[in-house]
Amino acid sequence: MSHNKYIYFACILFLILISNYVFAGNVYVAKYESQADLKVYVSKYESQSDLVVYLAKYESQANNKDQIWYYVKYESQADIKIYFVKYESQADLKIYFTEYESQAKWRNSNKYRGRLQ
């Protein structure tokens, strides 16, 4: 095998491996905590959140953006499954919903930053 084929093979393997760890904006809201990939708490104030989220009207708006979510109807369509928790202490991620796409952003460092795309 030539050097270029090894590099090509390594790149393909790398892409396959990271695809299991990268999420996207298609979000399914699970009915039970055990079905979810991520537990989310909705903050009353933006200042208390890790992520300010804008809910997209169209699926294409949510591509490769942690801060823009598009709700899907079926679990099989989702890139990530979330469960809304009642208490902040139960959450993996604290979010605040905004009405404006331009205000959607990460506010605090979080282990899920860059993984919701």
Foldseek 3Di string as FASTA:
>chain_A
DDPVVVVVVVVVVVVVVCLVQAFWQEEEEDPDPVVFPFEEEEDPDQVPFQWEAEEDPDPVVTGQDQRYHYYDDDPVPGRGYYYYDDDPVVGLGYYYYDHDPVPTDGDHDHPCVRRHD
